[in-house]
Amino acid sequence: MSGLEVLFGCIVGFALGLTGGGGGIFAVPLLVYGLSIAPREAVGISLASVGGTALSGAVPRLIRGEVELRTGLLFAISGMLGAPVGSYLSTLVPENVLLILFACLMCVVAHRMWVKAARPQLATGTCSTEGKPEVDRSACQRDADGQLRLTSRCARLLIVVGLVTGVLSGLFGVGGGFVIVPALVLFSGMAIHSAVATSLFVVVLISISGVSSHLIAGNELSITTAALFTAGGLVGMQFGGFVAKHLHGSTLQKTFAIAVIVVACFVILKSVVA
């Protein structure tokens, strides 16, 4: 069994390293259908493994100064508050319904990644209101040095998006990178490389909150399975990052989106039949 746990962790890590975000979306289906783990426990294991994998990527980027700490902390704190809410909501939903909702989330992720692949110019790292004096200046803006002007409206916007990300993480056991990266780029005007680095930092903190609330709620979590899954994820992420450097980005994104749709359809079919 330990071999499968490491293998499935490698698949998740490989997808994460290959696409830069969204790999964790495969964790719950692999745990539930590949290892026969109950959906609620799978959510906790997924959170722990995704957080551990993200930590390995966040630390070197933090040391290199690629993480925008002020924006990341604001996003992370609000996400950490949302994660326990998501964990609580997951206890109110029947497990087959939870899996169907998760499959719907997978479809949303696949659509976003397909659109991103078709229109890569969307990730410009520029605020939509930048350079337009006629637009409300209380929206997120950056000064000439690239520093975020954290106005009250900008802070509220980032807090709301962070809360939503936290709820999704606690509810479905995903890191939320597929939400965090585009949100940081589009709403805060962060450059894409900084957004990826900051996203990993945020995912680590949100995962800690999600796992803690998962355990406090009395849900089971196999430390051994989480550790093996994380170990596989660390190896897979390095390999995925290496392969990504040698393949066309849009092709990778579209292939990933198709794979997510296939898995989502499988999850829905199994949940309905069950």
Protein backbone atom coordinates (compact mmCIF):
# COMPACT_ATOMS: atom_id res chain seq x y z
CA MET A 1 0.00 0.00 0.00
CA SER A 2 2.86 2.40 0.82
CA GLY A 3 4.05 2.16 -2.80
CA LEU A 4 0.67 3.37 -4.05
CA GLU A 5 0.64 6.24 -1.58
CA VAL A 6 4.03 7.46 -2.79
CA LEU A 7 3.05 6.93 -6.44
CA PHE A 8 -0.18 8.90 -6.09
CA GLY A 9 1.69 11.63 -4.22
CA CYS A 10 4.14 11.78 -7.15
CA ILE A 11 1.21 12.27 -9.55
CA VAL A 12 -0.12 15.18 -7.50
CA GLY A 13 3.32 16.73 -7.12
CA PHE A 14 4.08 16.23 -10.81
CA ALA A 15 0.87 18.05 -11.81
CA LEU A 16 1.68 20.85 -9.35
CA GLY A 17 5.22 21.28 -10.69
CA LEU A 18 4.05 20.99 -14.29
CA THR A 19 1.33 23.64 -14.16
CA GLY A 20 2.39 25.91 -11.28
CA GLY A 21 -0.93 25.43 -9.47
CA GLY A 22 -3.98 23.19 -9.34
CA GLY A 23 -2.14 19.87 -8.90
CA GLY A 24 -3.77 19.30 -5.54
CA ILE A 25 -7.12 18.92 -7.29
CA PHE A 26 -6.16 15.28 -8.03
CA ALA A 27 -5.35 14.40 -4.40
CA VAL A 28 -8.85 13.66 -3.08
CA PRO A 29 -9.97 11.44 -6.02
CA LEU A 30 -6.71 9.45 -5.82
CA LEU A 31 -7.07 8.99 -2.07
CA VAL A 32 -10.76 8.04 -2.23
CA TYR A 33 -10.78 5.77 -5.29
CA GLY A 34 -7.15 4.66 -5.37
CA LEU A 35 -6.58 4.03 -1.65
CA SER A 36 -10.20 3.53 -0.49
CA ILE A 37 -9.96 6.33 2.09
CA ALA A 38 -13.17 7.96 3.32
CA PRO A 39 -13.79 11.35 1.64
CA ARG A 40 -13.59 13.40 4.86
CA GLU A 41 -10.30 11.81 5.90
CA ALA A 42 -9.05 12.27 2.33
CA VAL A 43 -9.70 16.01 2.67
CA GLY A 44 -7.44 16.19 5.73
CA ILE A 45 -4.67 14.10 4.16
CA SER A 46 -4.87 16.19 0.99
CA LEU A 47 -4.52 19.42 2.96
CA ALA A 48 -1.52 18.09 4.87
CA SER A 49 0.28 16.78 1.77
CA VAL A 50 -0.44 19.83 -0.38
CA GLY A 51 0.75 22.10 2.45
CA GLY A 52 3.93 20.07 2.91
CA THR A 53 4.66 20.07 -0.81
CA ALA A 54 4.02 23.82 -1.04
CA LEU A 55 6.38 24.39 1.91
CA SER A 56 9.28 22.88 -0.03
CA GLY A 57 8.65 25.38 -2.81
CA ALA A 58 7.89 28.38 -0.59
CA VAL A 59 11.02 28.31 1.59
CA PRO A 60 13.63 28.84 -1.16
CA ARG A 61 11.46 31.52 -2.79
CA LEU A 62 11.06 33.24 0.58
CA ILE A 63 14.83 33.24 1.06
CA ARG A 64 15.30 34.72 -2.44
CA GLY A 65 12.84 37.51 -1.61
CA GLU A 66 10.30 36.51 -4.27
CA VAL A 67 7.41 36.36 -1.79
CA GLU A 68 5.46 39.61 -1.29
CA LEU A 69 5.01 39.20 2.45
CA ARG A 70 2.56 41.99 3.22
CA THR A 71 0.08 40.98 0.53
CA GLY A 72 0.62 37.28 1.22
CA LEU A 73 0.02 37.62 4.95
CA LEU A 74 -3.21 39.58 4.39
CA PHE A 75 -4.40 36.90 1.98
CA ALA A 76 -3.23 34.06 4.24
CA ILE A 77 -4.78 35.38 7.46
CA SER A 78 -8.18 35.75 5.83
CA GLY A 79 -7.75 32.31 4.24
CA MET A 80 -6.84 30.79 7.61
CA LEU A 81 -10.10 32.17 9.00
CA GLY A 82 -12.05 30.69 6.10
CA ALA A 83 -10.49 27.19 6.28
CA PRO A 84 -12.21 26.17 9.57
CA VAL A 85 -15.52 27.34 8.09
CA GLY A 86 -14.97 25.07 5.11
CA SER A 87 -14.01 22.17 7.37
CA TYR A 88 -17.19 22.66 9.41
CA LEU A 89 -19.36 22.87 6.27
CA SER A 90 -17.86 19.59 5.03
CA THR A 91 -19.29 17.81 8.10
CA LEU A 92 -22.81 18.97 7.18
CA VAL A 93 -22.71 17.58 3.63
CA PRO A 94 -23.23 13.87 2.80
CA GLU A 95 -20.04 12.33 1.44
CA ASN A 96 -21.41 11.52 -2.03
CA VAL A 97 -22.73 15.07 -2.35
CA LEU A 98 -19.36 16.41 -1.18
CA LEU A 99 -17.64 14.44 -3.96
CA ILE A 100 -20.09 15.72 -6.58
CA LEU A 101 -19.49 19.31 -5.45
CA PHE A 102 -15.75 18.61 -5.59
CA ALA A 103 -16.14 17.37 -9.17
CA CYS A 104 -17.95 20.61 -10.04
CA LEU A 105 -15.02 22.55 -8.58
CA MET A 106 -12.69 20.48 -10.77
CA CYS A 107 -14.67 21.55 -13.83
CA VAL A 108 -14.28 25.20 -12.82
CA VAL A 109 -10.52 24.69 -12.43
CA ALA A 110 -10.30 22.98 -15.83
CA HIS A 111 -12.20 25.81 -17.51
CA ARG A 112 -9.97 28.46 -15.92
CA MET A 113 -6.81 26.68 -16.97
CA TRP A 114 -8.08 26.17 -20.54
CA VAL A 115 -8.92 29.87 -20.85
CA LYS A 116 -5.54 30.78 -19.41
CA ALA A 117 -3.82 28.56 -21.96
CA ALA A 118 -5.83 30.05 -24.82
CA ARG A 119 -5.25 33.64 -23.68
CA PRO A 120 -1.89 33.77 -21.85
CA GLN A 121 -1.85 37.55 -22.14
CA LEU A 122 -4.36 37.68 -19.27
CA ALA A 123 -1.53 37.09 -16.78
CA THR A 124 0.14 40.42 -17.35
CA GLY A 125 0.89 41.30 -13.75
CA THR A 126 -0.75 44.71 -14.16
CA CYS A 127 -3.73 46.06 -12.24
CA SER A 128 -6.77 46.53 -14.43
CA THR A 129 -7.09 50.12 -13.17
CA GLU A 130 -3.43 51.06 -13.47
CA GLY A 131 -2.80 54.12 -15.61
CA LYS A 132 -6.51 55.00 -15.85
CA PRO A 133 -7.12 58.16 -13.81
CA GLU A 134 -10.83 58.08 -14.50
CA VAL A 135 -11.20 54.86 -12.51
CA ASP A 136 -11.79 54.88 -8.75
CA ARG A 137 -8.31 55.26 -7.24
CA SER A 138 -9.31 53.32 -4.12
CA ALA A 139 -8.93 50.08 -6.11
CA CYS A 140 -5.68 48.12 -5.87
CA GLN A 141 -2.82 50.15 -7.34
CA ARG A 142 0.97 49.99 -7.33
CA ASP A 143 3.39 52.90 -7.11
CA ALA A 144 6.37 53.55 -9.38
CA ASP A 145 8.50 51.15 -7.31
CA GLY A 146 5.97 48.35 -7.73
CA GLN A 147 4.79 48.48 -4.11
CA LEU A 148 1.11 47.78 -3.51
CA ARG A 149 -0.95 50.73 -2.25
CA LEU A 150 -2.99 48.92 0.38
CA THR A 151 -6.09 51.14 0.47
CA SER A 152 -9.15 50.11 2.46
CA ARG A 153 -11.00 48.97 -0.66
CA CYS A 154 -8.00 47.00 -1.89
CA ALA A 155 -7.60 45.34 1.52
CA ARG A 156 -11.31 44.40 1.61
CA LEU A 157 -11.06 42.89 -1.86
CA LEU A 158 -8.03 40.75 -0.98
CA ILE A 159 -9.62 39.68 2.32
CA VAL A 160 -12.81 38.51 0.61
CA VAL A 161 -10.90 36.51 -2.01
CA GLY A 162 -8.69 35.07 0.75
CA LEU A 163 -11.74 33.99 2.74
CA VAL A 164 -13.26 32.26 -0.28
CA THR A 165 -9.96 30.47 -0.92
CA GLY A 166 -9.82 29.33 2.71
CA VAL A 167 -13.38 27.98 2.62
CA LEU A 168 -12.62 26.02 -0.55
CA SER A 169 -9.46 24.63 1.03
CA GLY A 170 -11.22 23.47 4.19
CA LEU A 171 -14.21 22.10 2.31
CA PHE A 172 -12.42 20.15 -0.42
CA GLY A 173 -8.83 19.71 0.79
CA VAL A 174 -7.26 21.73 -2.02
CA GLY A 175 -4.43 24.20 -1.57
CA GLY A 176 -6.21 26.86 -3.58
CA GLY A 177 -3.28 27.78 -5.82
CA PHE A 178 -5.59 27.76 -8.83
CA VAL A 179 -7.54 30.60 -7.14
CA ILE A 180 -4.67 32.42 -5.41
CA VAL A 181 -2.35 32.91 -8.38
CA PRO A 182 -4.88 34.55 -10.75
CA ALA A 183 -6.37 36.53 -7.84
CA LEU A 184 -2.98 38.00 -6.90
CA VAL A 185 -2.23 38.84 -10.53
CA LEU A 186 -5.61 40.32 -11.44
CA PHE A 187 -6.59 42.00 -8.16
CA SER A 188 -3.25 43.12 -6.73
CA GLY A 189 -1.32 43.60 -9.96
CA MET A 190 1.45 41.25 -8.80
CA ALA A 191 3.93 39.94 -11.37
CA ILE A 192 3.31 36.30 -12.22
CA HIS A 193 6.58 34.93 -10.74
CA SER A 194 5.90 36.75 -7.47
CA ALA A 195 2.29 35.54 -7.51
CA VAL A 196 3.41 31.89 -7.77
CA ALA A 197 5.92 32.35 -4.94
CA THR A 198 3.43 34.22 -2.74
CA SER A 199 0.74 31.64 -3.52
CA LEU A 200 2.94 28.81 -2.21
CA PHE A 201 3.52 30.79 0.99
CA VAL A 202 -0.24 31.37 1.39
CA VAL A 203 -1.08 27.72 0.67
CA VAL A 204 1.24 26.58 3.48
CA LEU A 205 -0.47 28.79 6.06
CA ILE A 206 -4.01 27.99 4.89
CA SER A 207 -3.20 24.25 4.91
CA ILE A 208 -1.98 24.51 8.51
CA SER A 209 -5.28 26.13 9.49
CA GLY A 210 -7.30 23.58 7.52
CA VAL A 211 -5.52 20.55 8.99
CA SER A 212 -5.81 21.97 12.51
CA SER A 213 -9.54 22.58 12.19
CA HIS A 214 -9.94 19.14 10.58
CA LEU A 215 -8.34 17.48 13.62
CA ILE A 216 -10.16 19.67 16.15
CA ALA A 217 -13.45 18.60 14.57
CA GLY A 218 -12.55 15.02 15.46
CA ASN A 219 -11.96 13.81 11.89
CA GLU A 220 -9.44 11.04 11.27
CA LEU A 221 -6.10 11.70 9.59
CA SER A 222 -3.51 8.99 8.93
CA ILE A 223 -0.10 10.54 9.62
CA THR A 224 1.64 7.69 7.78
CA THR A 225 -0.46 8.11 4.64
CA ALA A 226 -0.03 11.88 4.72
CA ALA A 227 3.75 11.56 5.12
CA LEU A 228 4.10 9.05 2.26
CA PHE A 229 1.80 11.10 0.04
CA THR A 230 3.84 14.23 0.80
CA ALA A 231 7.14 12.43 0.12
CA GLY A 232 5.85 11.38 -3.29
CA GLY A 233 4.60 14.91 -3.89
CA LEU A 234 8.03 16.41 -3.25
CA VAL A 235 9.65 14.10 -5.79
CA GLY A 236 6.88 14.58 -8.34
CA MET A 237 6.98 18.36 -8.05
CA GLN A 238 10.69 18.48 -8.88
CA PHE A 239 10.18 16.24 -11.90
CA GLY A 240 7.15 18.21 -13.05
CA GLY A 241 9.06 21.47 -12.80
CA PHE A 242 11.89 19.99 -14.90
CA VAL A 243 9.51 18.74 -17.62
CA ALA A 244 7.62 22.05 -17.68
CA LYS A 245 10.81 23.88 -18.70
CA HIS A 246 11.04 21.78 -21.85
CA LEU A 247 7.42 21.81 -23.03
CA HIS A 248 5.13 24.52 -24.38
CA GLY A 249 3.10 26.10 -21.59
CA SER A 250 -0.27 26.33 -23.36
CA THR A 251 -0.11 22.67 -24.39
CA LEU A 252 0.56 21.67 -20.79
CA GLN A 253 -2.35 23.74 -19.49
CA LYS A 254 -4.80 22.30 -22.03
CA THR A 255 -3.65 18.72 -21.38
CA PHE A 256 -4.02 19.30 -17.65
CA ALA A 257 -7.51 20.75 -18.13
CA ILE A 258 -8.62 17.71 -20.15
CA ALA A 259 -7.23 15.36 -17.48
CA VAL A 260 -9.13 17.25 -14.76
CA ILE A 261 -12.39 17.01 -16.73
CA VAL A 262 -11.91 13.25 -17.21
CA VAL A 263 -11.32 12.74 -13.47
CA ALA A 264 -14.31 14.97 -12.61
CA CYS A 265 -16.60 12.90 -14.84
CA PHE A 266 -15.29 9.72 -13.18
CA VAL A 267 -15.97 11.15 -9.71
CA ILE A 268 -19.51 12.19 -10.65
CA LEU A 269 -20.23 8.77 -12.21
CA LYS A 270 -18.94 6.87 -9.17
CA SER A 271 -20.85 9.15 -6.77
CA VAL A 272 -24.14 8.84 -8.64
CA VAL A 273 -23.85 5.07 -9.07
CA ALA A 274 -22.93 4.66 -5.40
